[in-house]
N, C-alpha and C. Protein backbone atom coordinates (compact mmCIF):
# COMPACT_ATOMS: atom_id res chain seq x y z
N MET A 1 1.23 -1.32 -0.07
CA MET A 1 0.15 0.18 0.24
C MET A 1 0.68 1.04 0.38
N TRP A 2 1.93 1.11 0.54
CA TRP A 2 3.19 2.75 0.99
C TRP A 2 3.49 2.17 -0.52
N LYS A 3 3.75 1.96 -1.41
CA LYS A 3 4.51 1.14 -2.40
C LYS A 3 3.82 2.30 -3.25
N LYS A 4 2.37 2.05 -3.67
CA LYS A 4 1.24 2.00 -4.89
C LYS A 4 0.86 4.09 -4.31
N ASN A 5 1.20 4.84 -2.70
CA ASN A 5 0.75 5.43 -2.92
C ASN A 5 2.02 7.32 -3.11
N THR A 6 3.07 5.85 -2.67
CA THR A 6 4.93 7.15 -3.51
C THR A 6 4.90 7.02 -4.36
N SER A 7 4.07 6.07 -5.13
CA SER A 7 4.52 6.25 -6.80
C SER A 7 3.32 7.07 -7.12
N LEU A 8 2.00 6.72 -6.86
CA LEU A 8 1.18 7.38 -7.43
C LEU A 8 1.54 9.81 -6.81
N TRP A 9 1.91 10.06 -5.76
CA TRP A 9 2.64 11.31 -5.43
C TRP A 9 4.10 11.65 -6.46
N VAL A 10 5.04 10.03 -6.39
CA VAL A 10 5.83 11.05 -7.73
C VAL A 10 5.36 11.17 -8.55
N LEU A 11 4.23 9.96 -9.22
CA LEU A 11 3.56 10.58 -10.51
C LEU A 11 2.87 12.30 -9.84
N ALA A 12 2.20 12.43 -9.17
CA ALA A 12 1.72 14.22 -9.37
C ALA A 12 2.74 14.68 -9.44
N ALA A 13 4.05 14.91 -8.76
CA ALA A 13 4.86 15.38 -8.36
C ALA A 13 5.51 15.71 -9.81
N ILE A 14 6.18 14.61 -10.87
CA ILE A 14 6.71 15.17 -12.06
C ILE A 14 5.03 15.96 -12.67
N LEU A 15 4.25 15.51 -12.67
CA LEU A 15 2.81 16.32 -13.78
C LEU A 15 2.75 17.57 -13.19
N ALA A 16 3.73 18.16 -12.18
CA ALA A 16 3.11 18.66 -11.35
C ALA A 16 4.10 20.29 -12.03
N ILE A 17 5.54 19.89 -11.41
CA ILE A 17 6.04 20.89 -13.10
C ILE A 17 5.65 20.74 -13.91
N PRO A 18 6.10 22.34 -14.60
CA PRO A 18 5.24 23.31 -15.72
C PRO A 18 6.92 21.90 -16.71
N GLY A 19 6.12 22.43 -17.87
CA GLY A 19 6.75 22.08 -19.44
C GLY A 19 7.32 20.22 -18.80
N THR A 20 6.63 19.43 -18.06
CA THR A 20 7.12 18.19 -17.87
C THR A 20 6.59 17.20 -18.26
N SER A 21 6.25 15.94 -18.90
CA SER A 21 5.42 15.26 -19.74
C SER A 21 6.44 14.12 -19.56
N LEU A 22 5.56 12.78 -20.34
CA LEU A 22 5.06 11.07 -19.89
C LEU A 22 6.12 11.15 -21.28
N ILE A 23 5.96 11.44 -21.72
CA ILE A 23 6.45 11.75 -23.58
C ILE A 23 8.00 12.24 -23.38
N PRO A 24 8.76 11.53 -24.09
CA PRO A 24 10.44 12.39 -24.40
C PRO A 24 9.90 13.76 -24.73
N ALA A 25 11.21 14.77 -25.01
CA ALA A 25 11.02 15.59 -25.20
C ALA A 25 11.32 16.38 -26.47
N PHE A 26 12.18 14.98 -26.90
CA PHE A 26 12.10 15.05 -28.80
C PHE A 26 10.77 14.80 -29.53
N ALA A 27 9.94 14.21 -28.65
CA ALA A 27 8.38 13.39 -29.06
C ALA A 27 7.84 14.98 -28.41
N GLN A 28 8.17 16.27 -28.63
CA GLN A 28 7.74 16.80 -28.47
C GLN A 28 6.18 17.76 -29.79
N ASP A 29 6.28 18.13 -30.01
CA ASP A 29 5.48 19.00 -31.66
C ASP A 29 7.28 19.80 -32.52
N SER A 30 7.73 18.55 -32.41
CA SER A 30 8.68 18.59 -33.55
C SER A 30 8.75 18.32 -34.34
N SER A 31 7.33 18.68 -35.10
CA SER A 31 6.74 18.22 -36.84
C SER A 31 8.31 19.42 -37.45
N PRO A 32 9.03 18.80 -38.82
CA PRO A 32 9.90 20.47 -39.10
C PRO A 32 8.63 21.12 -40.16
N SER A 33 9.50 22.60 -39.45
CA SER A 33 7.86 23.65 -41.46
C SER A 33 9.75 23.78 -41.90
N PRO A 34 8.20 23.91 -43.09
CA PRO A 34 9.27 24.01 -44.19
C PRO A 34 9.64 25.92 -44.24
N VAL A 35 10.35 25.81 -44.70
CA VAL A 35 11.53 26.48 -44.63
C VAL A 35 11.83 26.86 -46.54
N ILE A 36 10.79 28.87 -46.80
CA ILE A 36 11.39 28.57 -48.21
C ILE A 36 12.62 28.94 -48.64
N PRO A 37 13.22 28.04 -49.45
CA PRO A 37 14.42 28.25 -50.73
C PRO A 37 15.12 30.42 -50.24
N ASN A 38 16.39 30.32 -49.87
CA ASN A 38 17.15 31.22 -49.73
C ASN A 38 16.34 32.59 -48.86
N ARG A 39 15.79 31.36 -47.60
CA ARG A 39 15.68 32.68 -46.68
C ARG A 39 16.87 31.67 -45.61
N PRO A 40 17.04 32.81 -45.09
CA PRO A 40 18.69 32.51 -43.94
C PRO A 40 17.65 31.32 -42.77
N ASN A 41 18.54 30.62 -42.05
CA ASN A 41 18.16 29.24 -41.67
C ASN A 41 17.69 29.85 -40.13
N ARG A 42 16.61 29.88 -39.67
CA ARG A 42 16.24 29.90 -38.42
C ARG A 42 16.04 28.45 -37.17
N PRO A 43 16.36 28.61 -35.56
CA PRO A 43 16.15 28.87 -35.34
C PRO A 43 15.09 27.16 -35.00
N ASN A 44 15.04 25.71 -34.80
CA ASN A 44 13.90 25.20 -35.32
C ASN A 44 12.88 24.91 -36.59
N ARG A 45 13.85 25.36 -37.51
CA ARG A 45 14.19 25.34 -38.62
C ARG A 45 14.73 24.77 -40.03
N PRO A 46 14.54 23.44 -40.03
CA PRO A 46 15.95 22.89 -40.92
C PRO A 46 15.81 23.42 -42.15
N ASN A 47 17.01 24.28 -42.69
CA ASN A 47 17.17 24.67 -43.91
C ASN A 47 17.71 23.38 -44.95
N LEU A 48 16.02 22.51 -45.07
CA LEU A 48 16.87 21.74 -46.50
C LEU A 48 16.65 21.97 -47.72
N ASN A 49 16.42 23.26 -48.11
CA ASN A 49 16.87 23.54 -49.86
C ASN A 49 15.57 23.20 -50.52
N LEU A 50 14.37 23.43 -50.04
CA LEU A 50 13.46 22.56 -50.39
C LEU A 50 12.72 23.06 -51.22
N THR A 51 12.45 23.41 -52.76
CA THR A 51 11.30 23.45 -53.20
C THR A 51 10.47 24.36 -53.57
N PRO A 52 9.43 24.71 -54.14
CA PRO A 52 8.18 26.19 -53.63
C PRO A 52 7.74 25.44 -53.68
N GLU A 53 7.40 24.39 -54.54
CA GLU A 53 6.10 23.01 -55.00
C GLU A 53 6.98 22.05 -53.18
N GLN A 54 7.94 21.95 -52.85
CA GLN A 54 7.60 20.89 -51.81
C GLN A 54 7.78 21.89 -49.99
N ALA A 55 7.30 22.21 -50.54
CA ALA A 55 7.22 23.45 -49.34
C ALA A 55 6.12 24.29 -49.15
N SER A 56 5.43 24.33 -49.92
CA SER A 56 4.02 24.16 -49.82
C SER A 56 3.12 23.28 -49.70
N ARG A 57 3.98 21.84 -50.34
CA ARG A 57 2.99 20.88 -49.74
C ARG A 57 3.31 19.81 -48.82
N MET A 58 4.59 20.35 -47.40
CA MET A 58 4.49 20.36 -46.51
C MET A 58 3.83 21.18 -45.38
N GLN A 59 3.49 22.45 -46.12
CA GLN A 59 2.82 23.59 -44.79
C GLN A 59 1.63 22.80 -45.14
N ALA A 60 0.77 21.73 -45.82
CA ALA A 60 -0.22 21.89 -46.82
C ALA A 60 -0.59 20.48 -45.58
N VAL A 61 0.54 19.91 -45.41
CA VAL A 61 0.24 18.59 -44.20
C VAL A 61 0.33 19.00 -43.39
N ARG A 62 1.39 20.25 -42.73
CA ARG A 62 1.05 20.81 -41.60
C ARG A 62 -0.54 21.26 -41.64
N GLU A 63 -0.81 21.91 -41.88
CA GLU A 63 -2.68 23.42 -41.27
C GLU A 63 -3.28 21.92 -41.17
N LYS A 64 -2.89 20.22 -42.25
CA LYS A 64 -3.98 19.52 -42.34
C LYS A 64 -3.84 18.96 -41.22
N TYR A 65 -3.26 18.39 -40.36
CA TYR A 65 -3.00 18.69 -39.02
C TYR A 65 -3.37 19.17 -37.48
N LYS A 66 -2.64 21.08 -37.74
CA LYS A 66 -2.79 21.58 -37.35
C LYS A 66 -4.19 21.83 -36.44
N GLY A 67 -5.61 21.99 -36.34
CA GLY A 67 -5.96 22.20 -35.90
C GLY A 67 -6.63 20.35 -34.49
N GLN A 68 -5.81 19.32 -35.92
CA GLN A 68 -6.60 18.26 -34.46
C GLN A 68 -4.76 18.27 -33.82
N MET A 69 -3.81 18.49 -34.08
CA MET A 69 -2.62 18.90 -32.80
C MET A 69 -3.02 19.62 -31.57
N THR A 70 -4.41 20.93 -32.04
CA THR A 70 -4.26 21.23 -30.82
C THR A 70 -5.38 21.41 -29.89
N GLN A 71 -6.18 21.07 -30.70
CA GLN A 71 -7.75 20.30 -29.61
C GLN A 71 -6.94 19.04 -29.12
N ALA A 72 -6.34 18.49 -28.82
CA ALA A 72 -5.09 17.26 -28.41
C ALA A 72 -4.20 17.89 -27.79
N ARG A 73 -3.96 18.35 -27.86
CA ARG A 73 -3.09 19.42 -26.99
C ARG A 73 -3.40 19.99 -25.82
N GLU A 74 -4.69 20.99 -26.13
CA GLU A 74 -5.12 21.01 -25.34
C GLU A 74 -5.90 20.14 -24.08
N GLN A 75 -6.95 19.73 -24.74
CA GLN A 75 -7.42 18.31 -23.92
C GLN A 75 -6.24 17.88 -23.52
N LEU A 76 -4.56 16.97 -23.40
CA LEU A 76 -4.36 17.08 -22.00
C LEU A 76 -3.16 18.26 -21.64
N LYS A 77 -3.50 19.05 -21.78
CA LYS A 77 -3.15 19.78 -20.35
C LYS A 77 -4.20 19.99 -19.40
N GLN A 78 -5.35 19.86 -20.57
CA GLN A 78 -6.71 20.17 -18.80
C GLN A 78 -6.74 18.37 -18.84
N ALA A 79 -6.31 17.07 -19.36
CA ALA A 79 -5.87 16.31 -18.92
C ALA A 79 -5.23 16.43 -17.47
N ARG A 80 -3.71 16.34 -17.82
CA ARG A 80 -3.26 16.58 -16.60
C ARG A 80 -3.20 17.59 -16.37
N THR A 81 -3.51 18.62 -15.65
CA THR A 81 -4.12 19.71 -14.31
C THR A 81 -5.64 18.67 -13.99
N GLU A 82 -6.32 17.85 -14.67
CA GLU A 82 -6.93 17.54 -13.78
C GLU A 82 -6.82 16.08 -12.82
N LEU A 83 -5.66 15.40 -13.00
CA LEU A 83 -4.60 14.53 -12.43
C LEU A 83 -3.11 15.69 -11.14
N ARG A 84 -3.40 16.38 -11.84
CA ARG A 84 -2.84 17.69 -10.64
C ARG A 84 -3.37 17.27 -9.79
N GLN A 85 -4.38 17.96 -9.55
CA GLN A 85 -6.01 18.45 -8.55
C GLN A 85 -6.58 17.03 -7.75
N LEU A 86 -6.11 15.55 -8.59
CA LEU A 86 -6.77 14.44 -8.17
C LEU A 86 -6.11 14.37 -7.21
N MET A 87 -4.82 14.13 -7.48
CA MET A 87 -3.92 13.64 -6.55
C MET A 87 -3.61 14.74 -5.44
N VAL A 88 -4.08 16.26 -5.76
CA VAL A 88 -3.25 17.48 -4.71
C VAL A 88 -4.77 17.13 -3.92
N ASN A 89 -5.86 16.66 -4.11
CA ASN A 89 -7.23 16.92 -3.21
C ASN A 89 -6.99 15.05 -2.47
N GLY A 90 -6.83 14.37 -2.67
CA GLY A 90 -6.17 12.94 -1.92
C GLY A 90 -7.13 12.24 -2.86
N ALA A 91 -7.88 12.59 -4.30
CA ALA A 91 -8.71 11.31 -5.11
C ALA A 91 -8.22 10.58 -4.34
N SER A 92 -9.22 8.88 -4.52
CA SER A 92 -9.45 7.65 -4.18
C SER A 92 -8.80 7.53 -5.78
N GLU A 93 -7.82 6.10 -5.43
CA GLU A 93 -6.52 5.63 -6.51
C GLU A 93 -7.43 5.28 -7.48
N SER A 94 -8.44 4.66 -7.41
CA SER A 94 -9.72 4.20 -9.13
C SER A 94 -9.00 5.90 -9.83
N GLN A 95 -9.70 6.96 -9.36
CA GLN A 95 -9.92 7.72 -9.48
C GLN A 95 -9.25 8.19 -10.68
N ALA A 96 -7.56 8.59 -9.74
CA ALA A 96 -6.23 8.67 -9.95
C ALA A 96 -5.98 8.10 -11.42
N ARG A 97 -6.29 6.16 -10.99
CA ARG A 97 -5.72 6.03 -11.91
C ARG A 97 -5.70 5.96 -13.54
N ALA A 98 -7.41 6.42 -12.94
CA ALA A 98 -8.94 6.68 -14.58
C ALA A 98 -7.94 8.24 -15.42
N LYS A 99 -7.81 8.79 -14.38
CA LYS A 99 -6.99 10.14 -15.29
C LYS A 99 -5.96 10.06 -15.83
N PHE A 100 -4.97 8.87 -15.40
CA PHE A 100 -4.10 8.93 -15.17
C PHE A 100 -3.76 7.94 -16.67
N GLN A 101 -4.90 7.14 -17.45
CA GLN A 101 -4.96 6.34 -18.41
C GLN A 101 -5.11 7.35 -19.46
N GLN A 102 -6.44 8.26 -18.93
CA GLN A 102 -6.90 9.74 -19.80
C GLN A 102 -5.98 10.16 -20.64
N VAL A 103 -4.67 10.75 -19.62
CA VAL A 103 -3.28 11.17 -20.20
C VAL A 103 -2.70 10.18 -21.34
N GLN A 104 -2.53 9.27 -21.04
CA GLN A 104 -1.61 8.37 -21.51
C GLN A 104 -2.67 8.34 -22.93
N GLN A 105 -3.78 8.38 -22.78
CA GLN A 105 -4.05 8.10 -23.85
C GLN A 105 -4.21 9.69 -24.99
N LEU A 106 -4.24 10.52 -24.53
CA LEU A 106 -4.33 11.70 -25.06
C LEU A 106 -2.32 11.80 -26.03
N GLU A 107 -1.46 11.63 -24.56
CA GLU A 107 0.11 11.40 -25.34
C GLU A 107 0.29 10.93 -26.53
N SER A 108 -0.82 9.37 -26.55
CA SER A 108 -0.44 8.64 -27.80
C SER A 108 -1.45 9.16 -29.07
N LYS A 109 -2.56 10.18 -28.72
CA LYS A 109 -3.41 9.96 -30.52
C LYS A 109 -1.83 11.08 -30.25
N MET A 110 -1.49 12.91 -29.86
CA MET A 110 0.12 13.05 -29.63
C MET A 110 1.05 12.92 -30.80
N SER A 111 0.77 11.78 -29.93
CA SER A 111 1.98 11.03 -30.64
C SER A 111 2.52 10.17 -32.34
N GLU A 112 0.79 9.94 -32.33
CA GLU A 112 0.46 9.37 -33.55
C GLU A 112 -0.83 10.10 -34.34
N LEU A 113 -0.81 11.20 -34.04
CA LEU A 113 -0.80 12.46 -35.32
C LEU A 113 0.95 13.24 -35.08
N ARG A 114 1.73 12.79 -34.52
CA ARG A 114 3.03 13.65 -35.54
C ARG A 114 3.83 12.98 -36.61
N PHE A 115 3.31 11.39 -35.38
CA PHE A 115 4.38 10.51 -36.87
C PHE A 115 3.99 10.34 -38.12
N GLN A 116 1.95 10.15 -38.21
CA GLN A 116 1.24 10.55 -39.91
C GLN A 116 2.14 11.50 -39.56
N THR A 117 1.97 12.77 -40.09
CA THR A 117 2.54 14.28 -40.45
C THR A 117 3.71 13.92 -40.59
N MET A 118 5.00 13.15 -39.75
CA MET A 118 6.42 13.15 -39.66
C MET A 118 6.49 11.72 -41.66
N LEU A 119 5.29 10.98 -41.18
CA LEU A 119 5.23 10.44 -43.22
C LEU A 119 5.13 11.11 -43.56
N GLU A 120 3.65 11.39 -43.88
CA GLU A 120 3.00 12.21 -44.70
C GLU A 120 4.78 12.98 -44.87
N ILE A 121 5.44 14.47 -44.64
CA ILE A 121 6.62 14.95 -45.05
C ILE A 121 7.84 14.25 -44.88
N ASN A 122 7.86 12.98 -44.50
CA ASN A 122 9.04 11.87 -45.59
C ASN A 122 8.86 11.45 -47.07
N ALA A 123 7.47 11.66 -47.00
CA ALA A 123 7.06 11.07 -48.00
C ALA A 123 7.12 12.01 -49.30
N ILE A 124 7.44 13.40 -48.73
CA ILE A 124 7.37 14.70 -49.32
C ILE A 124 8.85 15.92 -50.77
N LEU A 125 9.91 14.76 -49.21
CA LEU A 125 11.47 15.10 -49.45
C LEU A 125 12.25 13.72 -50.69
N THR A 126 12.73 14.59 -50.78
CA THR A 126 14.33 13.41 -51.52
C THR A 126 14.81 12.81 -51.07
N PRO A 127 15.65 11.51 -51.14
CA PRO A 127 16.60 10.46 -49.50
C PRO A 127 17.15 11.34 -49.47
N SER A 128 17.92 12.57 -49.82
CA SER A 128 18.94 13.23 -49.24
C SER A 128 18.67 13.73 -47.75
N GLN A 129 16.72 14.81 -48.77
CA GLN A 129 16.22 15.35 -47.38
C GLN A 129 16.00 15.44 -46.49
N ARG A 130 16.16 13.77 -46.88
CA ARG A 130 15.56 12.82 -45.02
C ARG A 130 16.55 12.72 -44.62
N GLN A 131 17.82 12.60 -45.02
CA GLN A 131 18.95 12.45 -44.39
C GLN A 131 19.60 13.05 -43.97
N GLN A 132 18.85 15.21 -44.33
CA GLN A 132 19.43 16.17 -43.76
C GLN A 132 18.93 15.96 -42.77
N LEU A 133 17.63 16.12 -42.80
CA LEU A 133 16.62 16.07 -41.89
C LEU A 133 17.05 15.61 -40.37
N ALA A 134 16.99 14.50 -40.55
CA ALA A 134 17.21 13.15 -39.66
C ALA A 134 18.55 13.43 -38.87
N SER A 135 19.53 14.23 -39.64
CA SER A 135 20.49 14.71 -39.08
C SER A 135 20.16 16.27 -38.20
N GLN A 136 20.06 16.67 -38.59
CA GLN A 136 19.64 18.24 -37.94
C GLN A 136 19.17 18.19 -36.17
N MET A 137 17.72 16.69 -37.00
CA MET A 137 17.32 16.49 -35.69
C MET A 137 17.66 15.06 -34.53
N GLU A 138 19.16 14.68 -35.05
CA GLU A 138 19.30 14.39 -34.39
C GLU A 138 20.30 15.38 -33.00
N GLN A 139 20.48 16.27 -33.25
CA GLN A 139 21.52 17.49 -33.33
C GLN A 139 21.36 17.99 -32.78
N ARG A 140 19.73 18.68 -32.91
CA ARG A 140 18.75 19.57 -32.67
C ARG A 140 18.93 18.57 -30.96
N THR A 141 17.87 17.33 -31.34
CA THR A 141 17.48 16.25 -29.96
C THR A 141 18.64 16.23 -28.62
N GLY A 142 20.14 16.27 -29.38
CA GLY A 142 21.80 16.70 -28.98
C GLY A 142 22.16 17.10 -28.30
N ARG A 143 21.37 19.23 -28.19
CA ARG A 143 21.00 19.22 -27.50
C ARG A 143 21.02 19.90 -26.41
N ASN A 144 19.30 18.95 -26.45
CA ASN A 144 18.84 19.60 -24.55
C ASN A 144 19.06 18.13 -24.19
N ARG A 145 19.64 17.45 -24.61
CA ARG A 145 20.55 16.00 -23.28
C ARG A 145 21.42 16.74 -22.56
N PRO A 146 21.77 16.30 -21.58
CA PRO A 146 22.77 16.42 -20.17
C PRO A 146 24.25 16.28 -21.11
N GLN A 147 25.21 16.35 -21.27
CA GLN A 147 25.90 15.82 -21.87
C GLN A 147 26.75 14.54 -20.92
N ARG A 148 27.49 13.46 -20.74
CA ARG A 148 27.43 11.86 -20.21
C ARG A 148 29.80 12.01 -20.53
N LEU A 149 30.50 11.96 -19.13
CA LEU A 149 32.01 11.62 -19.40
C LEU A 149 31.89 10.44 -19.72
N GLU A 150 32.73 10.36 -20.53
CA GLU A 150 33.54 8.32 -20.75
C GLU A 150 33.62 7.77 -19.41
N GLY A 151 32.05 6.83 -20.29
CA GLY A 151 32.65 5.28 -19.11
C GLY A 151 31.71 5.89 -17.50
N GLN A 152 31.29 6.94 -18.08
CA GLN A 152 29.78 7.47 -16.51
C GLN A 152 28.62 7.00 -17.04
N PRO A 153 27.78 5.90 -16.30
CA PRO A 153 26.44 5.12 -16.52
C PRO A 153 26.49 6.19 -16.89
N GLU A 154 24.77 5.79 -16.83
CA GLU A 154 23.80 6.93 -17.21
C GLU A 154 22.85 7.03 -16.50
N GLN A 155 22.11 8.05 -15.81
CA GLN A 155 21.29 8.34 -14.37
C GLN A 155 20.49 7.34 -14.83
N GLY A 156 19.41 6.26 -13.53
CA GLY A 156 18.28 5.57 -13.74
C GLY A 156 19.35 4.22 -13.91
N MET A 157 19.68 4.19 -14.11
CA MET A 157 20.22 2.14 -15.03
C MET A 157 20.55 1.80 -13.47
């Protein structure tokens, strides 16, 4: 019983920290934004030397999912807030678990939307542009992770 309550409080503490999520940071809304050729590279907008047609098609893909992503993001934010409130107010374990499952389902929905967007964007890019995008995304996510000393074990292991 003590372990279950402790686990729920740890979860509540994690969810209470602004900007935290149960999904990794690199999975956040990181779909690439098209860059118009001959424009300087802007942060979070990889310069893939897109043709005007590619840029237009990528913009259409993002617009296609924009409403769904916004709605899912707002629902997720609301569900997380409700879960925090349940935890703070001493809700029953079953109520907290039900809300936690809702949060997980909404996170899964967000991940699915991001994945579908990425699949459609990949279909627009050339093989070399896909490689360049993958490299740039790897560099960008690598900057958000703490550096680890050689031979030092990763935390949490």
